[in-house]
């Protein structure tokens, strides 16, 4: 099934299409875009690709990968247009980096485990590529990540250095403590207290929830995604049943909506 020639041809065709879209007589919308205007789309398409992978739907994965390839090609071509670097430069650079950082594959080095590969990777970055060692382990986690993912990765970095909880019970205790503090901050905010304090305490509680997930070897982003999907399914059921009953979605019908919510849970065989 592997066919480098066919893949190269497809990449070439994508390049030609992007160039045509950006041409003076191309698509007005595509011509108006800049790398900055593409940022939101890149994030959205990346999440849609992750969703397709989670679904295990290969046809959906293929489609979403195409969208990601398109956006990457579009941003690279924009830089080519401005003379900063070419699409070929970008592809060539990542090829050279992959070869350079895998001497156990493309050279004579040895790395018999994933851990050894990661150590070698870091050494090459610092000693061969001359990249300055980070001032902190946490600097290796991008600030551009969404907060949930950034919290998870920062915690993993700290834990890898030995800065971690001893056992799960300690985190549950901390979660209860943070919840109590958030509740107290909420009460104070309701009577004129600091909203910043409320935000801080809620943030601490969420950070602790991420710690729980990480310690239990659960990716919090995946867990939250599952819950969002579950909520969406059930709420759509509520919408459908309310429409069938001729009742509008509003707070005065909360009791009825709640009954339909329970109905949705029963349909899914979930009493929670």
C-alpha atoms as a PDB file:
ATOM      1  CA  UNK A   1       0.000   0.000   0.000  1.00  0.00           C
ATOM      2  CA  UNK A   2       2.961   2.314   0.663  1.00  0.00           C
ATOM      3  CA  UNK A   3       3.765   4.339  -2.444  1.00  0.00           C
ATOM      4  CA  UNK A   4       6.252   7.251  -2.004  1.00  0.00           C
ATOM      5  CA  UNK A   5       5.832   8.291  -5.629  1.00  0.00           C
ATOM      6  CA  UNK A   6       2.086   8.566  -5.342  1.00  0.00           C
ATOM      7  CA  UNK A   7       2.376  10.481  -2.065  1.00  0.00           C
ATOM      8  CA  UNK A   8       4.848  12.943  -3.626  1.00  0.00           C
ATOM      9  CA  UNK A   9       2.495  13.429  -6.551  1.00  0.00           C
ATOM     10  CA  UNK A  10      -0.404  14.135  -4.201  1.00  0.00           C
ATOM     11  CA  UNK A  11       1.671  16.657  -2.204  1.00  0.00           C
ATOM     12  CA  UNK A  12       2.619  18.332  -5.473  1.00  0.00           C
ATOM     13  CA  UNK A  13      -1.006  18.557  -6.533  1.00  0.00           C
ATOM     14  CA  UNK A  14      -1.977  20.083  -3.185  1.00  0.00           C
ATOM     15  CA  UNK A  15       0.787  22.675  -3.617  1.00  0.00           C
ATOM     16  CA  UNK A  16      -0.483  23.565  -7.098  1.00  0.00           C
ATOM     17  CA  UNK A  17      -4.058  23.950  -5.838  1.00  0.00           C
ATOM     18  CA  UNK A  18      -2.972  26.197  -2.961  1.00  0.00           C
ATOM     19  CA  UNK A  19      -0.914  28.317  -5.373  1.00  0.00           C
ATOM     20  CA  UNK A  20      -3.922  28.623  -7.674  1.00  0.00           C
ATOM     21  CA  UNK A  21      -6.202  29.671  -4.817  1.00  0.00           C
ATOM     22  CA  UNK A  22      -3.702  32.361  -3.768  1.00  0.00           C
ATOM     23  CA  UNK A  23      -3.107  33.625  -7.310  1.00  0.00           C
ATOM     24  CA  UNK A  24      -4.268  37.144  -8.301  1.00  0.00           C
ATOM     25  CA  UNK A  25      -7.267  35.634 -10.076  1.00  0.00           C
ATOM     26  CA  UNK A  26      -7.787  32.964  -7.423  1.00  0.00           C
ATOM     27  CA  UNK A  27     -10.291  32.814  -4.574  1.00  0.00           C
ATOM     28  CA  UNK A  28     -10.948  36.201  -2.879  1.00  0.00           C
ATOM     29  CA  UNK A  29     -11.403  34.577   0.526  1.00  0.00           C
ATOM     30  CA  UNK A  30      -8.231  32.508   0.318  1.00  0.00           C
ATOM     31  CA  UNK A  31      -6.246  35.517  -0.876  1.00  0.00           C
ATOM     32  CA  UNK A  32      -7.378  37.559   2.126  1.00  0.00           C
ATOM     33  CA  UNK A  33      -6.077  35.036   4.644  1.00  0.00           C
ATOM     34  CA  UNK A  34      -2.829  35.464   6.585  1.00  0.00           C
ATOM     35  CA  UNK A  35      -0.954  33.107   8.905  1.00  0.00           C
ATOM     36  CA  UNK A  36      -2.616  34.843  11.858  1.00  0.00           C
ATOM     37  CA  UNK A  37      -6.134  34.470  10.489  1.00  0.00           C
ATOM     38  CA  UNK A  38      -5.459  30.755   9.986  1.00  0.00           C
ATOM     39  CA  UNK A  39      -4.622  30.089  13.641  1.00  0.00           C
ATOM     40  CA  UNK A  40      -8.156  29.362  14.802  1.00  0.00           C
ATOM     41  CA  UNK A  41      -8.779  27.019  11.899  1.00  0.00           C
ATOM     42  CA  UNK A  42      -5.589  25.100  12.617  1.00  0.00           C
ATOM     43  CA  UNK A  43      -6.632  24.502  16.222  1.00  0.00           C
ATOM     44  CA  UNK A  44     -10.176  23.550  15.231  1.00  0.00           C
ATOM     45  CA  UNK A  45      -9.052  21.119  12.537  1.00  0.00           C
ATOM     46  CA  UNK A  46      -6.522  19.540  14.888  1.00  0.00           C
ATOM     47  CA  UNK A  47      -9.284  18.855  17.405  1.00  0.00           C
ATOM     48  CA  UNK A  48     -11.529  17.459  14.696  1.00  0.00           C
ATOM     49  CA  UNK A  49      -8.726  15.118  13.676  1.00  0.00           C
ATOM     50  CA  UNK A  50      -8.348  13.964  17.281  1.00  0.00           C
ATOM     51  CA  UNK A  51     -12.106  13.365  17.438  1.00  0.00           C
ATOM     52  CA  UNK A  52     -11.957  11.263  14.251  1.00  0.00           C
ATOM     53  CA  UNK A  53      -9.076   9.223  15.677  1.00  0.00           C
ATOM     54  CA  UNK A  54     -11.040   8.630  18.888  1.00  0.00           C
ATOM     55  CA  UNK A  55     -14.007   7.448  16.839  1.00  0.00           C
ATOM     56  CA  UNK A  56     -11.819   4.935  15.033  1.00  0.00           C
ATOM     57  CA  UNK A  57     -13.412   5.974  11.738  1.00  0.00           C
ATOM     58  CA  UNK A  58     -10.668   5.706   9.105  1.00  0.00           C
ATOM     59  CA  UNK A  59     -12.690   7.549   6.452  1.00  0.00           C
ATOM     60  CA  UNK A  60     -13.215  10.454   8.861  1.00  0.00           C
ATOM     61  CA  UNK A  61      -9.538  10.408   9.846  1.00  0.00           C
ATOM     62  CA  UNK A  62      -8.556  10.573   6.171  1.00  0.00           C
ATOM     63  CA  UNK A  63     -10.821  13.593   5.636  1.00  0.00           C
ATOM     64  CA  UNK A  64      -9.610  15.477   8.711  1.00  0.00           C
ATOM     65  CA  UNK A  65      -5.951  14.738   7.922  1.00  0.00           C
ATOM     66  CA  UNK A  66      -6.534  16.295   4.516  1.00  0.00           C
ATOM     67  CA  UNK A  67      -7.858  19.448   6.169  1.00  0.00           C
ATOM     68  CA  UNK A  68      -4.792  19.635   8.426  1.00  0.00           C
ATOM     69  CA  UNK A  69      -2.464  19.113   5.436  1.00  0.00           C
ATOM     70  CA  UNK A  70      -4.312  21.885   3.590  1.00  0.00           C
ATOM     71  CA  UNK A  71      -3.922  24.428   6.378  1.00  0.00           C
ATOM     72  CA  UNK A  72      -0.245  23.567   6.859  1.00  0.00           C
ATOM     73  CA  UNK A  73       0.370  23.913   3.106  1.00  0.00           C
ATOM     74  CA  UNK A  74      -1.551  27.184   3.006  1.00  0.00           C
ATOM     75  CA  UNK A  75       0.454  28.780   5.835  1.00  0.00           C
ATOM     76  CA  UNK A  76       3.746  27.531   4.359  1.00  0.00           C
ATOM     77  CA  UNK A  77       2.820  28.918   0.934  1.00  0.00           C
ATOM     78  CA  UNK A  78       1.993  32.309   2.460  1.00  0.00           C
ATOM     79  CA  UNK A  79       5.548  32.495   3.776  1.00  0.00           C
ATOM     80  CA  UNK A  80       6.843  31.409   0.390  1.00  0.00           C
ATOM     81  CA  UNK A  81       4.923  34.269  -1.213  1.00  0.00           C
ATOM     82  CA  UNK A  82       6.516  36.762   1.164  1.00  0.00           C
ATOM     83  CA  UNK A  83       9.986  35.374   0.475  1.00  0.00           C
ATOM     84  CA  UNK A  84      10.661  34.252   4.067  1.00  0.00           C
ATOM     85  CA  UNK A  85      11.035  30.581   3.200  1.00  0.00           C
ATOM     86  CA  UNK A  86       9.594  28.112   0.716  1.00  0.00           C
ATOM     87  CA  UNK A  87       7.284  25.171   1.226  1.00  0.00           C
ATOM     88  CA  UNK A  88      10.186  22.952   0.153  1.00  0.00           C
ATOM     89  CA  UNK A  89      12.392  24.623   2.790  1.00  0.00           C
ATOM     90  CA  UNK A  90       9.901  23.705   5.507  1.00  0.00           C
ATOM     91  CA  UNK A  91       9.514  20.109   4.345  1.00  0.00           C
ATOM     92  CA  UNK A  92      13.264  19.771   3.863  1.00  0.00           C
ATOM     93  CA  UNK A  93      13.965  21.103   7.343  1.00  0.00           C
ATOM     94  CA  UNK A  94      11.704  18.601   9.067  1.00  0.00           C
ATOM     95  CA  UNK A  95      13.193  15.754   6.993  1.00  0.00           C
ATOM     96  CA  UNK A  96      16.715  16.739   8.024  1.00  0.00           C
ATOM     97  CA  UNK A  97      15.641  17.107  11.658  1.00  0.00           C
ATOM     98  CA  UNK A  98      14.066  13.653  11.698  1.00  0.00           C
ATOM     99  CA  UNK A  99      17.208  12.073  10.256  1.00  0.00           C
ATOM    100  CA  UNK A 100      19.462  14.041  12.619  1.00  0.00           C
ATOM    101  CA  UNK A 101      17.443  13.116  15.712  1.00  0.00           C
ATOM    102  CA  UNK A 102      17.167   9.427  14.833  1.00  0.00           C
ATOM    103  CA  UNK A 103      20.808   8.322  14.522  1.00  0.00           C
ATOM    104  CA  UNK A 104      19.734   4.914  15.870  1.00  0.00           C
ATOM    105  CA  UNK A 105      17.680   4.523  12.669  1.00  0.00           C
ATOM    106  CA  UNK A 106      19.679   6.461  10.078  1.00  0.00           C
ATOM    107  CA  UNK A 107      23.140   6.137  11.652  1.00  0.00           C
ATOM    108  CA  UNK A 108      25.247   3.949  13.933  1.00  0.00           C
ATOM    109  CA  UNK A 109      23.867   4.984  17.331  1.00  0.00           C
ATOM    110  CA  UNK A 110      21.938   2.609  19.560  1.00  0.00           C
ATOM    111  CA  UNK A 111      18.750   3.242  21.507  1.00  0.00           C
ATOM    112  CA  UNK A 112      17.009   0.155  22.764  1.00  0.00           C
ATOM    113  CA  UNK A 113      14.033   1.752  24.488  1.00  0.00           C
ATOM    114  CA  UNK A 114      11.670   4.696  24.195  1.00  0.00           C
ATOM    115  CA  UNK A 115      13.309   6.282  27.238  1.00  0.00           C
ATOM    116  CA  UNK A 116      16.738   6.051  25.609  1.00  0.00           C
ATOM    117  CA  UNK A 117      15.350   7.622  22.438  1.00  0.00           C
ATOM    118  CA  UNK A 118      13.988  10.593  24.400  1.00  0.00           C
ATOM    119  CA  UNK A 119      17.303  11.117  26.224  1.00  0.00           C
ATOM    120  CA  UNK A 120      19.185  10.956  22.920  1.00  0.00           C
ATOM    121  CA  UNK A 121      16.669  13.364  21.332  1.00  0.00           C
ATOM    122  CA  UNK A 122      17.291  15.949  24.060  1.00  0.00           C
ATOM    123  CA  UNK A 123      21.066  15.566  23.851  1.00  0.00           C
ATOM    124  CA  UNK A 124      20.998  16.121  20.086  1.00  0.00           C
ATOM    125  CA  UNK A 125      18.891  19.252  20.516  1.00  0.00           C
ATOM    126  CA  UNK A 126      21.397  20.707  22.972  1.00  0.00           C
ATOM    127  CA  UNK A 127      24.790  19.389  21.792  1.00  0.00           C
ATOM    128  CA  UNK A 128      24.321  19.019  18.042  1.00  0.00           C
ATOM    129  CA  UNK A 129      21.740  21.672  17.232  1.00  0.00           C
ATOM    130  CA  UNK A 130      23.050  24.081  19.862  1.00  0.00           C
ATOM    131  CA  UNK A 131      19.682  24.798  21.385  1.00  0.00           C
ATOM    132  CA  UNK A 132      19.989  26.437  24.775  1.00  0.00           C
ATOM    133  CA  UNK A 133      18.827  24.289  27.627  1.00  0.00           C
ATOM    134  CA  UNK A 134      15.573  25.558  29.044  1.00  0.00           C
ATOM    135  CA  UNK A 135      15.758  27.581  32.253  1.00  0.00           C
ATOM    136  CA  UNK A 136      12.979  25.403  33.624  1.00  0.00           C
ATOM    137  CA  UNK A 137      11.520  22.021  32.737  1.00  0.00           C
ATOM    138  CA  UNK A 138       8.204  23.812  32.421  1.00  0.00           C
ATOM    139  CA  UNK A 139       9.568  25.967  29.590  1.00  0.00           C
ATOM    140  CA  UNK A 140       9.305  22.870  27.406  1.00  0.00           C
ATOM    141  CA  UNK A 141       5.503  23.152  27.596  1.00  0.00           C
ATOM    142  CA  UNK A 142       4.129  25.655  25.098  1.00  0.00           C
ATOM    143  CA  UNK A 143       2.187  28.597  26.482  1.00  0.00           C
ATOM    144  CA  UNK A 144       0.017  28.427  23.364  1.00  0.00           C
ATOM    145  CA  UNK A 145      -1.594  25.172  24.506  1.00  0.00           C
ATOM    146  CA  UNK A 146      -5.191  25.346  25.763  1.00  0.00           C
ATOM    147  CA  UNK A 147      -5.159  25.630  29.596  1.00  0.00           C
ATOM    148  CA  UNK A 148      -6.378  22.071  30.243  1.00  0.00           C
ATOM    149  CA  UNK A 149      -3.678  20.490  28.081  1.00  0.00           C
ATOM    150  CA  UNK A 150      -1.022  22.873  29.431  1.00  0.00           C
ATOM    151  CA  UNK A 151      -1.910  22.048  33.044  1.00  0.00           C
ATOM    152  CA  UNK A 152      -1.697  18.323  32.280  1.00  0.00           C
ATOM    153  CA  UNK A 153       1.676  18.580  30.564  1.00  0.00           C
ATOM    154  CA  UNK A 154       3.152  20.869  33.209  1.00  0.00           C
ATOM    155  CA  UNK A 155       2.109  18.434  35.917  1.00  0.00           C
ATOM    156  CA  UNK A 156       3.674  15.553  33.984  1.00  0.00           C
ATOM    157  CA  UNK A 157       6.955  17.476  33.682  1.00  0.00           C
ATOM    158  CA  UNK A 158       7.012  18.212  37.421  1.00  0.00           C
ATOM    159  CA  UNK A 159       6.100  14.612  38.279  1.00  0.00           C
ATOM    160  CA  UNK A 160       8.871  13.274  36.060  1.00  0.00           C
ATOM    161  CA  UNK A 161      11.321  15.331  38.143  1.00  0.00           C
ATOM    162  CA  UNK A 162       9.976  13.683  41.305  1.00  0.00           C
ATOM    163  CA  UNK A 163       7.673  16.521  42.347  1.00  0.00           C
ATOM    164  CA  UNK A 164       4.475  14.532  42.725  1.00  0.00           C
ATOM    165  CA  UNK A 165       1.925  13.218  45.174  1.00  0.00           C
ATOM    166  CA  UNK A 166       2.755  10.068  47.099  1.00  0.00           C
ATOM    167  CA  UNK A 167      -0.609   8.371  46.695  1.00  0.00           C
ATOM    168  CA  UNK A 168      -4.067   9.048  45.287  1.00  0.00           C
ATOM    169  CA  UNK A 169      -5.682   9.661  48.692  1.00  0.00           C
ATOM    170  CA  UNK A 170      -3.613  12.825  49.123  1.00  0.00           C
ATOM    171  CA  UNK A 171      -5.006  14.253  45.896  1.00  0.00           C
ATOM    172  CA  UNK A 172      -8.602  13.440  46.868  1.00  0.00           C
ATOM    173  CA  UNK A 173      -8.025  15.252  50.164  1.00  0.00           C
ATOM    174  CA  UNK A 174      -6.562  18.216  48.303  1.00  0.00           C
ATOM    175  CA  UNK A 175      -9.525  18.239  45.904  1.00  0.00           C
ATOM    176  CA  UNK A 176     -11.968  18.417  48.832  1.00  0.00           C
ATOM    177  CA  UNK A 177      -9.913  21.213  50.365  1.00  0.00           C
ATOM    178  CA  UNK A 178      -9.872  23.184  47.105  1.00  0.00           C
ATOM    179  CA  UNK A 179     -13.625  22.656  46.666  1.00  0.00           C
ATOM    180  CA  UNK A 180     -14.309  24.032  50.146  1.00  0.00           C
ATOM    181  CA  UNK A 181     -12.112  27.049  49.446  1.00  0.00           C
ATOM    182  CA  UNK A 182     -13.906  27.633  46.130  1.00  0.00           C
ATOM    183  CA  UNK A 183     -17.280  27.439  47.895  1.00  0.00           C
ATOM    184  CA  UNK A 184     -16.113  29.971  50.488  1.00  0.00           C
ATOM    185  CA  UNK A 185     -14.793  32.312  47.773  1.00  0.00           C
ATOM    186  CA  UNK A 186     -18.175  31.988  46.026  1.00  0.00           C
ATOM    187  CA  UNK A 187     -20.023  32.991  49.194  1.00  0.00           C
ATOM    188  CA  UNK A 188     -17.729  35.975  49.666  1.00  0.00           C
ATOM    189  CA  UNK A 189     -18.085  37.063  46.044  1.00  0.00           C
ATOM    190  CA  UNK A 190     -21.882  36.985  46.416  1.00  0.00           C
ATOM    191  CA  UNK A 191     -21.614  39.574  49.196  1.00  0.00           C
ATOM    192  CA  UNK A 192     -19.163  41.894  47.481  1.00  0.00           C
ATOM    193  CA  UNK A 193     -16.009  39.875  47.876  1.00  0.00           C
ATOM    194  CA  UNK A 194     -13.213  39.590  45.325  1.00  0.00           C
ATOM    195  CA  UNK A 195     -14.074  38.012  41.988  1.00  0.00           C
ATOM    196  CA  UNK A 196     -10.343  37.494  41.432  1.00  0.00           C
ATOM    197  CA  UNK A 197     -10.218  35.344  44.563  1.00  0.00           C
ATOM    198  CA  UNK A 198     -13.130  33.284  43.263  1.00  0.00           C
ATOM    199  CA  UNK A 199     -11.349  32.818  39.946  1.00  0.00           C
ATOM    200  CA  UNK A 200      -8.167  31.769  41.748  1.00  0.00           C
ATOM    201  CA  UNK A 201      -9.940  29.189  43.886  1.00  0.00           C
ATOM    202  CA  UNK A 202     -11.895  27.724  40.996  1.00  0.00           C
ATOM    203  CA  UNK A 203      -8.640  27.524  39.047  1.00  0.00           C
ATOM    204  CA  UNK A 204      -6.999  25.673  41.935  1.00  0.00           C
ATOM    205  CA  UNK A 205      -9.892  23.207  42.026  1.00  0.00           C
ATOM    206  CA  UNK A 206      -9.697  22.572  38.272  1.00  0.00           C
ATOM    207  CA  UNK A 207      -5.919  22.159  38.470  1.00  0.00           C
ATOM    208  CA  UNK A 208      -6.414  19.580  41.209  1.00  0.00           C
ATOM    209  CA  UNK A 209      -8.965  17.729  39.065  1.00  0.00           C
ATOM    210  CA  UNK A 210      -6.352  17.539  36.312  1.00  0.00           C
ATOM    211  CA  UNK A 211      -3.901  16.134  38.864  1.00  0.00           C
ATOM    212  CA  UNK A 212      -6.386  13.434  39.797  1.00  0.00           C
ATOM    213  CA  UNK A 213      -6.808  12.425  36.173  1.00  0.00           C
ATOM    214  CA  UNK A 214      -3.052  12.414  35.536  1.00  0.00           C
ATOM    215  CA  UNK A 215      -2.299  10.356  38.645  1.00  0.00           C
ATOM    216  CA  UNK A 216      -4.917   7.818  37.549  1.00  0.00           C
ATOM    217  CA  UNK A 217      -3.344   7.747  34.057  1.00  0.00           C
ATOM    218  CA  UNK A 218      -6.370   9.337  32.424  1.00  0.00           C
ATOM    219  CA  UNK A 219      -5.879  12.108  29.866  1.00  0.00           C
ATOM    220  CA  UNK A 220      -8.112  14.905  31.239  1.00  0.00           C
ATOM    221  CA  UNK A 221      -8.766  16.318  27.765  1.00  0.00           C
ATOM    222  CA  UNK A 222     -10.023  12.935  26.564  1.00  0.00           C
ATOM    223  CA  UNK A 223     -12.117  12.490  29.707  1.00  0.00           C
ATOM    224  CA  UNK A 224     -13.648  15.946  29.365  1.00  0.00           C
ATOM    225  CA  UNK A 225     -14.313  15.347  25.683  1.00  0.00           C
ATOM    226  CA  UNK A 226     -16.247  12.193  26.546  1.00  0.00           C
ATOM    227  CA  UNK A 227     -18.324  14.087  29.088  1.00  0.00           C
ATOM    228  CA  UNK A 228     -19.053  16.921  26.659  1.00  0.00           C
ATOM    229  CA  UNK A 229     -20.178  14.397  24.056  1.00  0.00           C
ATOM    230  CA  UNK A 230     -22.359  12.654  26.635  1.00  0.00           C
ATOM    231  CA  UNK A 231     -23.938  15.949  27.701  1.00  0.00           C
ATOM    232  CA  UNK A 232     -24.528  16.890  24.066  1.00  0.00           C
ATOM    233  CA  UNK A 233     -26.278  13.592  23.304  1.00  0.00           C
ATOM    234  CA  UNK A 234     -28.561  13.919  26.287  1.00  0.00           C
ATOM    235  CA  UNK A 235     -29.348  17.574  25.723  1.00  0.00           C
ATOM    236  CA  UNK A 236     -30.253  16.847  22.112  1.00  0.00           C
ATOM    237  CA  UNK A 237     -32.666  14.228  23.419  1.00  0.00           C
ATOM    238  CA  UNK A 238     -34.168  16.843  25.740  1.00  0.00           C
ATOM    239  CA  UNK A 239     -34.537  19.248  22.806  1.00  0.00           C
ATOM    240  CA  UNK A 240     -36.248  16.578  20.714  1.00  0.00           C
ATOM    241  CA  UNK A 241     -38.685  15.555  23.458  1.00  0.00           C
ATOM    242  CA  UNK A 242     -39.517  19.154  24.327  1.00  0.00           C
ATOM    243  CA  UNK A 243     -40.296  19.849  20.666  1.00  0.00           C
ATOM    244  CA  UNK A 244     -42.531  16.773  20.580  1.00  0.00           C
ATOM    245  CA  UNK A 245     -44.363  17.980  23.675  1.00  0.00           C
ATOM    246  CA  UNK A 246     -44.845  21.445  22.180  1.00  0.00           C
ATOM    247  CA  UNK A 247     -43.096  23.080  25.119  1.00  0.00           C
ATOM    248  CA  UNK A 248     -40.359  25.715  24.714  1.00  0.00           C
ATOM    249  CA  UNK A 249     -36.903  25.319  26.229  1.00  0.00           C
ATOM    250  CA  UNK A 250     -37.030  27.651  29.218  1.00  0.00           C
ATOM    251  CA  UNK A 251     -36.462  27.588  32.969  1.00  0.00           C
ATOM    252  CA  UNK A 252     -40.189  27.379  33.786  1.00  0.00           C
ATOM    253  CA  UNK A 253     -40.189  23.869  32.275  1.00  0.00           C
ATOM    254  CA  UNK A 254     -37.082  22.693  34.096  1.00  0.00           C
ATOM    255  CA  UNK A 255     -38.908  19.816  35.822  1.00  0.00           C
ATOM    256  CA  UNK A 256     -40.070  18.430  32.470  1.00  0.00           C
ATOM    257  CA  UNK A 257     -36.649  18.905  30.893  1.00  0.00           C
ATOM    258  CA  UNK A 258     -35.071  17.117  33.851  1.00  0.00           C
ATOM    259  CA  UNK A 259     -37.404  14.151  33.342  1.00  0.00           C
ATOM    260  CA  UNK A 260     -36.356  13.947  29.697  1.00  0.00           C
ATOM    261  CA  UNK A 261     -32.719  14.128  30.809  1.00  0.00           C
ATOM    262  CA  UNK A 262     -33.309  11.115  33.062  1.00  0.00           C
ATOM    263  CA  UNK A 263     -35.020   9.432  30.131  1.00  0.00           C
ATOM    264  CA  UNK A 264     -31.901   9.954  28.016  1.00  0.00           C
ATOM    265  CA  UNK A 265     -29.759   8.399  30.733  1.00  0.00           C
ATOM    266  CA  UNK A 266     -32.032   5.378  30.881  1.00  0.00           C
ATOM    267  CA  UNK A 267     -31.831   4.960  27.116  1.00  0.00           C
ATOM    268  CA  UNK A 268     -28.035   4.918  27.387  1.00  0.00           C
ATOM    269  CA  UNK A 269     -28.272   2.465  30.268  1.00  0.00           C
ATOM    270  CA  UNK A 270     -26.564   4.950  32.576  1.00  0.00           C
ATOM    271  CA  UNK A 271     -28.156   5.811  35.883  1.00  0.00           C
ATOM    272  CA  UNK A 272     -25.667   8.574  36.631  1.00  0.00           C
END
